[in-house]
Amino acid sequence: MTNYQHTMKRLNSIAIMVVMSIVMVTGLTACGDDDKDQPATSILLRACSIAEGAEYNASELTAVTLSYNNVVSVTPSANITLNGTKCAAKSSDRMGTDVIITLPALEEATSYTLDVPAGSIVARNDSRASAAAYKVNFTTKAVQHSINIEAAALTKKLGWGWNLGNHFDTSSGEDGKPTPYGYWDNATPTQKLYTSLKNAGVSTVRICVTWGNYQTGDPWTIDAAYMAEVKKNVDWAEQAGLNVILNMHHDEYWMKIKEAASNSTVDEQIKDRIAKTWTQIGETFKAKGDFLFFESFNEVQDGQWGWGDNRKDGGKQYRTLNGWNQTAVDAIRATGGNNATRWIGVPAYAASPQLALENSFALPADPASHIMVSVHYYEPTSFTLTPEDSGGKSEWGHTAAAGKFAAGSNEEHVVDVFQKLKKKFVANGIPVYIGEYGCVMHTTSRSNLFRNYYLEYVCRAAHTYNMPLCIWDNNSTGGGNEHHGYFNHNDGTYLNNLESLVQTMINAATSDDDAYTLETVYDKAPK
């Protein structure tokens, strides 16, 4: 054997020994404990794309990224939530070490907690290994939305307003038959009424009118004497330097929306009458200047105030009202003159702020782009309208005694509703006005302290969120349900010694004093 052969033989022997050693080691490993006895992969969170306690823009924060020290997966059963709402999550395709959590749409000025429970994130190649539970808290910024200049000017023009309630809106509920008992407010308005209102600081008068009692069959001609009487009051308000909102009020008795929503023939008949009625009103007032505003309807609903069949008919009643608003706008615009561009207010179903915020409410098309949204605010009604009923409440706000206020309807509710109305409409150049708000005179001194506080707070909130408003007044004295008297409907003198309260509301609704805020009103709540 040559030296070369001897060397090669020796190398081969060594190689065989190495291979055998590897096999033996492998065999020993294979014959040992199962994989489960080996240490699990460590899954540690290295970074989060948002910081604990930080503040973010609601519109910009759409996802959160969690970065781990190993390649990870999101388990199918993961229940990752943001304030209780489940979020979609997936591991990143880039390196596999990131988890992307998609957030739902965020609200402004809100606190949030992102909760990732234990077991939601696991090692991709070792399901025994999971990340510990993780929570992160953050807030979103309160953004000051820019306000359309024209909408802001209109808000300032309308200011604090007053309703000539229970006068022309008196209704017998029958065509051609005015109530034989006269107007519900038992008053005869005069020029002095409107002059007194102007001198008190009132900017706008909402003249509510029921027309159907003075119409007798197609073509639905309005009684001339009645039209002249309405016009005389509009003229007096104009001469006093007031704005006027003129509407169609308790004509709901013939505007049967539930029936119209399910019967196209009835719907067409009602739209025909709406068009003919508004055409007559429009022709009468088309030469009037921009002090005059029209309002298509008052509180159209099926008798259940937004809690009836409208909740279960698939949106039929909402679509019907949208069509009626369009009919009214078209009829007014067609009369020409100043009506071609006059501002027109339209209500959502039952004049509800909440229903105005829903997508079921559609603004009518308008070539003049001069449409306003009309809402009413009497929340909570157990305090503002029916404190004497069995479920009535005598107090309101954060200082109210337990059991004496309606839960969920205090200061934060006012802010929430008004803020949303501003964001959806006013910030987009669509004015919103509160055609009616109010609270009855209560029967005890302490309860009236809360009433006064409520009225000031609502007025200041309306100013804060750029909405004018009109107090409801039915010319009544004394206290209890249905007692909404502020000014005598004959001559405008004060009722119920309420001059101080009226001036407080006017100031709250119109003052531009930066030091006068919702917080300063809040701090003055009754103790």
Protein backbone atom coordinates (compact mmCIF):
# COMPACT_ATOMS: atom_id res chain seq x y z
CA MET A 1 0.00 0.00 0.00
CA THR A 2 1.43 3.30 -1.01
CA ASN A 3 1.67 6.23 1.35
CA TYR A 4 -1.09 7.92 -0.65
CA GLN A 5 -3.44 4.92 -0.28
CA HIS A 6 -2.63 4.65 3.40
CA THR A 7 -3.42 8.29 3.95
CA MET A 8 -6.75 8.09 2.07
CA LYS A 9 -7.78 5.01 4.01
CA ARG A 10 -7.08 6.76 7.26
CA LEU A 11 -9.09 9.82 6.25
CA ASN A 12 -12.05 7.64 5.28
CA SER A 13 -11.96 5.99 8.70
CA ILE A 14 -12.04 9.33 10.43
CA ALA A 15 -14.97 10.49 8.26
CA ILE A 16 -16.93 7.36 9.10
CA MET A 17 -16.34 7.93 12.80
CA VAL A 18 -17.58 11.56 12.55
CA VAL A 19 -20.74 10.48 10.72
CA MET A 20 -21.40 7.78 13.30
CA SER A 21 -20.96 10.30 16.08
CA ILE A 22 -23.52 12.66 14.47
CA VAL A 23 -25.97 9.78 14.04
CA MET A 24 -25.51 8.77 17.66
CA VAL A 25 -26.08 12.28 18.90
CA THR A 26 -29.12 12.66 16.70
CA GLY A 27 -30.43 9.34 17.84
CA LEU A 28 -29.97 10.24 21.48
CA THR A 29 -31.86 13.50 20.90
CA ALA A 30 -34.65 11.74 19.09
CA CYS A 31 -34.93 9.16 21.81
CA GLY A 32 -35.01 11.81 24.56
CA ASP A 33 -37.98 13.97 25.79
CA ASP A 34 -40.58 15.45 23.38
CA ASP A 35 -40.31 19.02 22.03
CA LYS A 36 -42.70 20.18 24.70
CA ASP A 37 -39.99 19.80 27.27
CA GLN A 38 -37.78 22.27 25.43
CA PRO A 39 -37.93 25.99 26.43
CA ALA A 40 -40.59 27.90 24.47
CA THR A 41 -39.58 30.76 22.26
CA SER A 42 -39.63 34.09 24.08
CA ILE A 43 -42.14 36.64 22.62
CA LEU A 44 -41.49 40.13 23.90
CA LEU A 45 -43.01 43.44 22.81
CA ARG A 46 -40.23 45.76 21.68
CA ALA A 47 -42.22 48.81 20.57
CA CYS A 48 -45.68 50.32 20.02
CA SER A 49 -46.37 52.99 17.40
CA ILE A 50 -48.40 55.06 19.89
CA ALA A 51 -47.25 56.22 23.30
CA GLU A 52 -49.01 55.74 26.62
CA GLY A 53 -51.07 58.83 27.49
CA ALA A 54 -50.31 60.63 24.23
CA GLU A 55 -52.79 62.74 22.22
CA TYR A 56 -53.49 62.20 18.51
CA ASN A 57 -55.62 63.64 15.71
CA ALA A 58 -58.74 61.48 15.40
CA SER A 59 -58.79 61.70 11.62
CA GLU A 60 -55.14 60.69 11.25
CA LEU A 61 -54.84 57.73 13.63
CA THR A 62 -56.18 54.70 11.77
CA ALA A 63 -53.90 51.86 12.91
CA VAL A 64 -51.47 50.83 15.65
CA THR A 65 -48.34 48.75 15.06
CA LEU A 66 -46.91 46.42 17.73
CA SER A 67 -43.32 45.22 17.11
CA TYR A 68 -42.08 41.96 18.67
CA ASN A 69 -38.68 40.29 18.99
CA ASN A 70 -39.66 37.24 16.94
CA VAL A 71 -41.82 36.32 13.99
CA VAL A 72 -45.42 36.27 15.19
CA SER A 73 -49.01 35.50 14.19
CA VAL A 74 -52.39 36.71 15.40
CA THR A 75 -54.56 33.86 16.72
CA PRO A 76 -58.01 33.41 15.12
CA SER A 77 -59.59 33.77 18.56
CA ALA A 78 -57.81 37.04 19.38
CA ASN A 79 -60.19 39.58 20.91
CA ILE A 80 -58.25 42.81 20.50
CA THR A 81 -60.52 45.73 21.37
CA LEU A 82 -60.61 49.52 21.47
CA ASN A 83 -63.01 50.73 24.17
CA GLY A 84 -64.80 47.39 23.87
CA THR A 85 -65.06 47.42 20.06
CA LYS A 86 -63.27 44.52 18.39
CA CYS A 87 -60.43 45.48 16.04
CA ALA A 88 -59.05 43.61 13.05
CA ALA A 89 -55.37 42.62 13.37
CA LYS A 90 -52.79 40.84 11.23
CA SER A 91 -49.06 40.17 11.23
CA SER A 92 -46.90 42.20 8.88
CA ASP A 93 -45.75 40.68 5.57
CA ARG A 94 -42.51 42.64 5.74
CA MET A 95 -40.53 40.76 8.38
CA GLY A 96 -43.29 39.04 10.30
CA THR A 97 -42.33 40.69 13.58
CA ASP A 98 -45.00 43.41 13.44
CA VAL A 99 -48.73 43.21 14.16
CA ILE A 100 -50.94 45.84 12.50
CA ILE A 101 -54.15 46.64 14.40
CA THR A 102 -56.79 48.53 12.39
CA LEU A 103 -58.78 51.01 14.49
CA PRO A 104 -62.42 51.99 14.01
CA ALA A 105 -63.19 55.65 13.22
CA LEU A 106 -62.19 57.77 16.21
CA GLU A 107 -64.17 60.61 17.78
CA GLU A 108 -62.53 63.88 18.70
CA ALA A 109 -61.76 64.76 22.34
CA THR A 110 -62.17 61.15 23.50
CA SER A 111 -60.14 58.81 25.76
CA TYR A 112 -59.35 55.35 24.40
CA THR A 113 -57.86 52.09 25.69
CA LEU A 114 -56.42 49.55 23.25
CA ASP A 115 -56.55 46.10 24.89
CA VAL A 116 -54.53 43.16 23.57
CA PRO A 117 -55.30 40.15 25.81
CA ALA A 118 -52.72 37.49 26.63
CA GLY A 119 -52.65 34.72 24.01
CA SER A 120 -53.67 36.98 21.14
CA ILE A 121 -50.12 37.10 19.67
CA VAL A 122 -48.10 33.86 19.32
CA ALA A 123 -44.79 32.79 17.77
CA ARG A 124 -45.38 31.75 14.19
CA ASN A 125 -43.34 28.54 14.48
CA ASP A 126 -44.01 27.78 18.12
CA SER A 127 -47.65 28.15 19.15
CA ARG A 128 -46.68 27.46 22.76
CA ALA A 129 -45.08 30.88 22.91
CA SER A 130 -47.45 33.87 23.31
CA ALA A 131 -47.01 37.51 24.18
CA ALA A 132 -48.17 38.88 27.50
CA ALA A 133 -51.30 41.01 27.72
CA TYR A 134 -50.81 44.62 26.70
CA LYS A 135 -52.85 47.82 27.14
CA VAL A 136 -52.16 51.34 25.97
CA ASN A 137 -54.20 54.45 26.74
CA PHE A 138 -54.41 57.53 24.54
CA THR A 139 -56.70 60.46 23.75
CA THR A 140 -57.80 62.31 20.64
CA LYS A 141 -57.57 66.05 20.21
CA ALA A 142 -60.51 68.42 20.32
CA VAL A 143 -60.33 70.12 16.94
CA GLN A 144 -61.83 73.56 16.38
CA HIS A 145 -63.65 73.18 13.07
CA SER A 146 -63.68 76.16 10.81
CA ILE A 147 -67.11 77.70 10.35
CA ASN A 148 -68.49 78.76 7.01
CA ILE A 149 -68.54 82.58 7.01
CA GLU A 150 -72.08 82.84 5.63
CA ALA A 151 -73.41 80.32 8.15
CA ALA A 152 -71.68 82.16 11.00
CA ALA A 153 -73.14 85.48 9.88
CA LEU A 154 -76.61 83.97 9.72
CA THR A 155 -76.21 82.58 13.23
CA LYS A 156 -75.32 86.02 14.52
CA LYS A 157 -78.21 87.62 12.60
CA LEU A 158 -80.85 85.30 14.06
CA GLY A 159 -79.42 85.51 17.58
CA TRP A 160 -81.87 84.78 20.39
CA GLY A 161 -85.43 84.29 19.22
CA TRP A 162 -88.95 83.97 20.57
CA ASN A 163 -91.98 81.93 19.50
CA LEU A 164 -95.46 83.41 19.14
CA GLY A 165 -96.68 80.06 20.40
CA ASN A 166 -100.28 78.86 20.61
CA HIS A 167 -101.59 81.73 18.52
CA PHE A 168 -101.71 81.19 14.74
CA ASP A 169 -100.70 77.56 15.28
CA THR A 170 -104.06 76.93 17.00
CA SER A 171 -105.74 73.99 15.26
CA SER A 172 -109.15 72.36 15.25
CA GLY A 173 -107.71 69.42 13.34
CA GLU A 174 -110.23 69.92 10.52
CA ASP A 175 -110.14 71.55 7.10
CA GLY A 176 -112.09 74.79 6.83
CA LYS A 177 -113.03 74.85 10.52
CA PRO A 178 -111.08 77.17 12.83
CA THR A 179 -111.52 76.39 16.49
CA PRO A 180 -114.64 78.19 17.82
CA TYR A 181 -112.82 79.12 21.01
CA GLY A 182 -110.33 81.45 19.37
CA TYR A 183 -106.57 81.30 19.53
CA TRP A 184 -105.12 79.12 22.28
CA ASP A 185 -103.05 81.95 23.79
CA ASN A 186 -106.17 84.13 24.27
CA ALA A 187 -104.24 87.13 22.93
CA THR A 188 -104.45 89.80 20.28
CA PRO A 189 -100.92 90.73 19.19
CA THR A 190 -100.21 94.38 18.40
CA GLN A 191 -97.38 96.44 16.99
CA LYS A 192 -96.40 97.13 20.60
CA LEU A 193 -95.73 93.43 21.16
CA TYR A 194 -93.04 93.36 18.49
CA THR A 195 -91.56 96.70 19.47
CA SER A 196 -91.31 95.52 23.09
CA LEU A 197 -89.60 92.30 21.99
CA LYS A 198 -87.04 94.25 19.99
CA ASN A 199 -86.39 96.60 22.92
CA ALA A 200 -85.86 93.60 25.19
CA GLY A 201 -83.07 92.31 22.95
CA VAL A 202 -84.96 89.72 20.90
CA SER A 203 -83.57 89.28 17.36
CA THR A 204 -86.01 86.84 15.78
CA VAL A 205 -89.69 85.95 16.07
CA ARG A 206 -90.89 82.55 14.93
CA ILE A 207 -94.50 82.89 13.83
CA CYS A 208 -96.03 79.43 13.82
CA VAL A 209 -99.06 79.02 11.54
CA THR A 210 -101.59 76.25 10.92
CA TRP A 211 -103.07 76.84 7.45
CA GLY A 212 -105.38 73.86 6.92
CA ASN A 213 -108.19 75.15 9.16
CA TYR A 214 -108.54 78.00 6.67
CA GLN A 215 -108.57 75.85 3.51
CA THR A 216 -111.60 74.07 2.06
CA GLY A 217 -110.78 71.57 -0.64
CA ASP A 218 -108.65 71.58 -3.77
CA PRO A 219 -107.08 73.96 -4.89
CA TRP A 220 -106.62 74.58 -1.16
CA THR A 221 -107.07 78.34 -1.26
CA ILE A 222 -106.15 79.97 2.06
CA ASP A 223 -108.84 82.26 3.51
CA ALA A 224 -107.89 85.81 2.52
CA ALA A 225 -108.72 87.38 5.89
CA TYR A 226 -106.56 84.84 7.70
CA MET A 227 -103.65 85.39 5.32
CA ALA A 228 -103.98 89.14 5.84
CA GLU A 229 -103.89 88.70 9.61
CA VAL A 230 -100.73 86.63 9.43
CA LYS A 231 -99.17 89.16 7.08
CA LYS A 232 -100.03 92.02 9.44
CA ASN A 233 -97.99 90.36 12.18
CA VAL A 234 -95.07 89.79 9.81
CA ASP A 235 -95.27 93.48 8.84
CA TRP A 236 -95.25 94.57 12.50
CA ALA A 237 -92.20 92.43 13.20
CA GLU A 238 -90.46 93.89 10.15
CA GLN A 239 -91.22 97.44 11.28
CA ALA A 240 -89.78 96.65 14.71
CA GLY A 241 -86.52 95.48 13.11
CA LEU A 242 -86.99 91.78 13.89
CA ASN A 243 -86.26 88.72 11.80
CA VAL A 244 -89.22 86.40 11.19
CA ILE A 245 -89.35 82.63 10.72
CA LEU A 246 -92.71 81.75 9.16
CA ASN A 247 -93.74 78.12 8.99
CA MET A 248 -96.40 75.46 8.40
CA HIS A 249 -97.08 74.21 11.93
CA HIS A 250 -99.94 71.95 13.08
CA ASP A 251 -100.93 70.92 9.56
CA GLU A 252 -99.70 67.46 10.53
CA TYR A 253 -103.36 66.51 10.98
CA TRP A 254 -103.68 66.27 7.18
CA MET A 255 -100.05 65.38 6.53
CA LYS A 256 -100.53 61.73 7.48
CA ILE A 257 -97.00 60.53 7.08
CA LYS A 258 -97.52 56.94 8.18
CA GLU A 259 -100.27 56.46 5.59
CA ALA A 260 -98.34 58.33 2.90
CA ALA A 261 -95.23 56.22 3.53
CA SER A 262 -97.10 53.08 2.51
CA ASN A 263 -99.46 54.50 -0.12
CA SER A 264 -98.03 56.42 -3.08
CA THR A 265 -101.44 57.83 -4.02
CA VAL A 266 -101.85 59.41 -0.59
CA ASP A 267 -98.28 60.68 -0.74
CA GLU A 268 -98.89 62.40 -4.09
CA GLN A 269 -102.11 63.99 -2.83
CA ILE A 270 -100.32 65.41 0.21
CA LYS A 271 -97.41 66.70 -1.87
CA ASP A 272 -99.87 68.41 -4.18
CA ARG A 273 -101.46 70.21 -1.23
CA ILE A 274 -98.06 71.12 0.23
CA ALA A 275 -97.04 72.66 -3.09
CA LYS A 276 -100.28 74.63 -3.47
CA THR A 277 -100.15 75.90 0.13
CA TRP A 278 -96.52 76.98 -0.03
CA THR A 279 -97.07 78.58 -3.43
CA GLN A 280 -99.71 80.86 -1.89
CA ILE A 281 -97.50 81.72 1.09
CA GLY A 282 -94.57 82.33 -1.24
CA GLU A 283 -96.58 84.62 -3.55
CA THR A 284 -97.81 86.66 -0.56
CA PHE A 285 -94.34 87.27 0.86
CA LYS A 286 -91.96 87.09 -2.12
CA ALA A 287 -91.26 90.83 -2.04
CA LYS A 288 -90.17 90.74 1.60
CA GLY A 289 -86.48 91.23 2.35
CA ASP A 290 -84.00 88.89 3.92
CA PHE A 291 -85.38 89.47 7.42
CA LEU A 292 -87.96 86.80 6.49
CA PHE A 293 -87.15 83.10 6.65
CA PHE A 294 -89.44 80.21 5.73
CA GLU A 295 -89.64 76.88 7.55
CA SER A 296 -91.21 74.01 5.61
CA PHE A 297 -92.79 72.14 8.55
CA ASN A 298 -92.77 71.89 12.32
CA GLU A 299 -92.60 68.39 13.88
CA VAL A 300 -93.87 65.93 11.27
CA GLN A 301 -94.22 62.45 12.79
CA ASP A 302 -96.73 59.59 13.14
CA GLY A 303 -97.95 60.52 16.61
CA GLN A 304 -95.26 58.61 18.51
CA TRP A 305 -92.63 61.37 18.46
CA GLY A 306 -89.94 59.36 16.75
CA TRP A 307 -90.58 56.12 18.64
CA GLY A 308 -93.31 54.69 16.41
CA ASP A 309 -93.39 52.84 13.11
CA ASN A 310 -90.60 55.04 11.79
CA ARG A 311 -88.26 52.76 13.76
CA LYS A 312 -89.36 49.62 11.95
CA ASP A 313 -90.61 50.57 8.47
CA GLY A 314 -87.25 50.44 6.74
CA GLY A 315 -86.96 54.22 6.49
CA LYS A 316 -90.20 54.78 4.55
CA GLN A 317 -91.41 57.67 6.71
CA TYR A 318 -87.99 59.33 6.64
CA ARG A 319 -87.87 59.16 2.85
CA THR A 320 -91.42 60.50 2.68
CA LEU A 321 -90.52 63.54 4.77
CA ASN A 322 -87.40 64.11 2.68
CA GLY A 323 -89.68 64.21 -0.37
CA TRP A 324 -92.08 66.64 1.30
CA ASN A 325 -89.23 68.98 2.21
CA GLN A 326 -88.13 68.92 -1.42
CA THR A 327 -91.70 69.70 -2.56
CA ALA A 328 -91.89 72.71 -0.23
CA VAL A 329 -88.51 74.06 -1.34
CA ASP A 330 -89.38 73.65 -5.03
CA ALA A 331 -92.73 75.43 -4.58
CA ILE A 332 -91.14 78.35 -2.72
CA ARG A 333 -88.33 78.81 -5.23
CA ALA A 334 -90.77 78.71 -8.14
CA THR A 335 -92.59 81.82 -6.85
CA GLY A 336 -89.55 83.92 -7.69
CA GLY A 337 -88.80 87.37 -6.32
CA ASN A 338 -86.76 87.24 -3.14
CA ASN A 339 -87.96 83.68 -2.63
CA ALA A 340 -85.46 82.58 -5.26
CA THR A 341 -82.72 82.89 -2.66
CA ARG A 342 -84.58 83.17 0.66
CA TRP A 343 -83.25 80.94 3.46
CA ILE A 344 -85.51 77.95 4.10
CA GLY A 345 -85.38 75.79 7.21
CA VAL A 346 -86.26 72.10 6.95
CA PRO A 347 -86.76 69.67 9.87
CA ALA A 348 -85.80 66.07 10.25
CA TYR A 349 -88.45 63.66 11.50
CA ALA A 350 -90.18 65.09 14.63
CA ALA A 351 -87.61 67.93 14.47
CA SER A 352 -85.36 65.55 16.41
CA PRO A 353 -81.66 66.48 16.65
CA GLN A 354 -80.72 62.81 16.85
CA LEU A 355 -82.68 61.94 13.70
CA ALA A 356 -81.20 64.96 11.91
CA LEU A 357 -77.78 63.42 12.54
CA GLU A 358 -78.71 60.10 10.94
CA ASN A 359 -78.11 59.33 7.28
CA SER A 360 -81.86 58.83 6.83
CA PHE A 361 -82.25 62.62 6.82
CA ALA A 362 -81.45 64.09 3.42
CA LEU A 363 -81.35 67.80 2.67
CA PRO A 364 -83.41 68.90 -0.32
CA ALA A 365 -81.64 69.93 -3.50
CA ASP A 366 -81.58 73.71 -3.75
CA PRO A 367 -80.14 75.80 -6.60
CA ALA A 368 -79.71 78.73 -4.17
CA SER A 369 -77.84 76.62 -1.57
CA HIS A 370 -79.80 78.41 1.15
CA ILE A 371 -81.11 75.53 3.24
CA MET A 372 -81.00 75.48 7.03
CA VAL A 373 -81.66 72.58 9.40
CA SER A 374 -84.38 73.04 12.00
CA VAL A 375 -84.28 71.07 15.26
CA HIS A 376 -86.08 71.36 18.59
CA TYR A 377 -84.49 70.80 21.98
CA TYR A 378 -86.53 69.95 25.08
CA GLU A 379 -84.31 67.19 26.47
CA PRO A 380 -85.05 65.69 28.95
CA THR A 381 -88.80 66.18 28.58
CA SER A 382 -89.41 64.75 32.07
CA PHE A 383 -87.78 67.93 33.41
CA THR A 384 -88.60 70.51 30.72
CA LEU A 385 -92.18 69.61 29.78
CA THR A 386 -93.78 67.21 32.26
CA PRO A 387 -92.28 67.71 35.73
CA GLU A 388 -95.75 67.20 37.28
CA ASP A 389 -96.26 63.76 35.73
CA SER A 390 -95.54 60.54 37.61
CA GLY A 391 -92.12 60.25 35.99
CA GLY A 392 -91.37 63.95 36.20
CA LYS A 393 -88.06 65.33 37.42
CA SER A 394 -87.50 68.45 39.50
CA GLU A 395 -83.74 68.93 39.02
CA TRP A 396 -81.16 68.83 36.25
CA GLY A 397 -77.37 68.84 35.93
CA HIS A 398 -74.33 67.60 37.79
CA THR A 399 -75.43 69.02 41.15
CA ALA A 400 -78.93 67.51 41.03
CA ALA A 401 -79.88 65.19 43.86
CA ALA A 402 -80.00 61.44 43.24
CA GLY A 403 -83.33 60.33 41.85
CA LYS A 404 -84.41 63.86 40.96
CA PHE A 405 -82.81 64.05 37.50
CA ALA A 406 -83.02 62.06 34.27
CA ALA A 407 -79.82 60.05 33.89
CA GLY A 408 -77.88 60.60 30.68
CA SER A 409 -79.49 63.95 29.92
CA ASN A 410 -77.31 66.40 31.82
CA GLU A 411 -74.64 68.84 30.63
CA GLU A 412 -72.60 66.25 28.76
CA HIS A 413 -75.65 65.29 26.70
CA VAL A 414 -76.26 68.89 25.60
CA VAL A 415 -72.62 69.23 24.54
CA ASP A 416 -72.61 65.90 22.73
CA VAL A 417 -75.72 66.69 20.66
CA PHE A 418 -74.79 70.29 19.82
CA GLN A 419 -71.18 69.38 19.01
CA LYS A 420 -72.34 66.71 16.54
CA LEU A 421 -74.81 69.09 14.87
CA LYS A 422 -72.05 71.64 14.41
CA LYS A 423 -69.63 69.08 13.01
CA LYS A 424 -72.09 67.59 10.52
CA PHE A 425 -73.84 70.74 9.33
CA VAL A 426 -72.54 74.13 10.50
CA ALA A 427 -68.89 73.36 9.80
CA ASN A 428 -69.93 72.45 6.26
CA GLY A 429 -71.80 75.68 5.58
CA ILE A 430 -75.28 74.43 6.51
CA PRO A 431 -76.76 76.55 9.32
CA VAL A 432 -78.65 74.85 12.15
CA TYR A 433 -81.16 76.70 14.30
CA ILE A 434 -83.09 75.49 17.32
CA GLY A 435 -86.60 76.56 16.37
CA GLU A 436 -87.94 75.61 19.79
CA TYR A 437 -86.38 75.03 23.18
CA GLY A 438 -87.61 75.70 26.68
CA CYS A 439 -88.52 74.51 30.13
CA VAL A 440 -91.79 75.05 31.96
CA MET A 441 -91.95 77.15 35.09
CA HIS A 442 -91.65 74.72 37.99
CA THR A 443 -93.66 74.99 41.19
CA THR A 444 -90.90 75.22 43.82
CA SER A 445 -88.13 77.77 44.27
CA ARG A 446 -85.39 75.11 44.32
CA SER A 447 -86.65 73.41 41.16
CA ASN A 448 -86.78 76.77 39.37
CA LEU A 449 -83.13 77.34 40.25
CA PHE A 450 -82.33 74.23 38.23
CA ARG A 451 -84.70 75.42 35.50
CA ASN A 452 -82.84 78.73 35.24
CA TYR A 453 -79.51 76.91 35.19
CA TYR A 454 -80.73 74.56 32.43
CA LEU A 455 -81.92 77.44 30.24
CA GLU A 456 -78.68 79.38 30.61
CA TYR A 457 -76.56 76.31 29.93
CA VAL A 458 -78.50 75.37 26.79
CA CYS A 459 -78.25 78.94 25.48
CA ARG A 460 -74.52 79.15 26.10
CA ALA A 461 -74.00 75.75 24.49
CA ALA A 462 -75.97 76.89 21.43
CA HIS A 463 -73.72 79.95 21.13
CA THR A 464 -70.60 77.82 21.65
CA TYR A 465 -71.59 75.54 18.78
CA ASN A 466 -72.85 78.36 16.50
CA MET A 467 -76.60 77.78 16.61
CA PRO A 468 -79.28 80.46 17.17
CA LEU A 469 -82.35 79.42 19.14
CA CYS A 470 -85.95 80.46 19.86
CA ILE A 471 -87.63 80.05 23.25
CA TRP A 472 -91.12 78.54 23.28
CA ASP A 473 -93.73 80.90 24.80
CA ASN A 474 -97.45 80.13 25.11
CA ASN A 475 -98.47 83.23 27.10
CA SER A 476 -99.18 81.27 30.29
CA THR A 477 -98.61 82.36 33.88
CA GLY A 478 -97.94 80.25 36.96
CA GLY A 479 -96.06 76.96 37.06
CA GLY A 480 -96.38 73.30 36.11
CA ASN A 481 -96.83 71.41 32.86
CA GLU A 482 -97.52 73.63 29.81
CA HIS A 483 -96.51 76.85 31.61
CA HIS A 484 -94.10 78.55 29.18
CA GLY A 485 -94.87 82.26 29.62
CA TYR A 486 -92.18 84.96 29.21
CA PHE A 487 -93.81 87.88 27.36
CA ASN A 488 -97.45 88.97 27.27
CA HIS A 489 -98.62 88.21 23.72
CA ASN A 490 -100.68 91.39 23.56
CA ASP A 491 -98.08 94.04 24.34
CA GLY A 492 -94.75 92.35 25.09
CA THR A 493 -94.60 93.14 28.81
CA TYR A 494 -92.84 90.53 30.93
CA LEU A 495 -94.77 87.67 32.51
CA ASN A 496 -93.93 85.86 35.75
CA ASN A 497 -91.26 88.43 36.71
CA LEU A 498 -88.90 86.78 34.24
CA GLU A 499 -87.03 89.81 32.90
CA SER A 500 -83.80 88.73 34.61
CA LEU A 501 -84.00 85.19 33.21
CA VAL A 502 -84.80 86.46 29.71
CA GLN A 503 -81.80 88.79 29.79
CA THR A 504 -79.59 85.96 31.04
CA MET A 505 -80.68 83.76 28.12
CA ILE A 506 -80.16 86.54 25.58
CA ASN A 507 -76.67 87.20 26.93
CA ALA A 508 -75.82 83.48 26.97
CA ALA A 509 -77.01 83.06 23.39
CA THR A 510 -75.28 86.12 21.95
CA SER A 511 -72.30 87.27 24.05
CA ASP A 512 -68.86 86.99 22.44
CA ASP A 513 -67.08 87.45 25.78
CA ASP A 514 -64.32 84.81 25.79
CA ALA A 515 -64.42 84.70 29.58
CA TYR A 516 -68.08 83.63 29.53
CA THR A 517 -67.86 79.91 28.83
CA LEU A 518 -69.79 76.73 29.39
CA GLU A 519 -67.41 76.04 32.25
CA THR A 520 -68.27 79.28 34.01
CA VAL A 521 -71.98 78.47 33.67
CA TYR A 522 -71.31 74.91 34.90
CA ASP A 523 -69.58 76.25 37.98
CA LYS A 524 -72.69 78.26 38.91
CA ALA A 525 -74.99 75.24 39.08
CA PRO A 526 -77.37 75.18 42.07
CA LYS A 527 -75.92 73.51 45.15
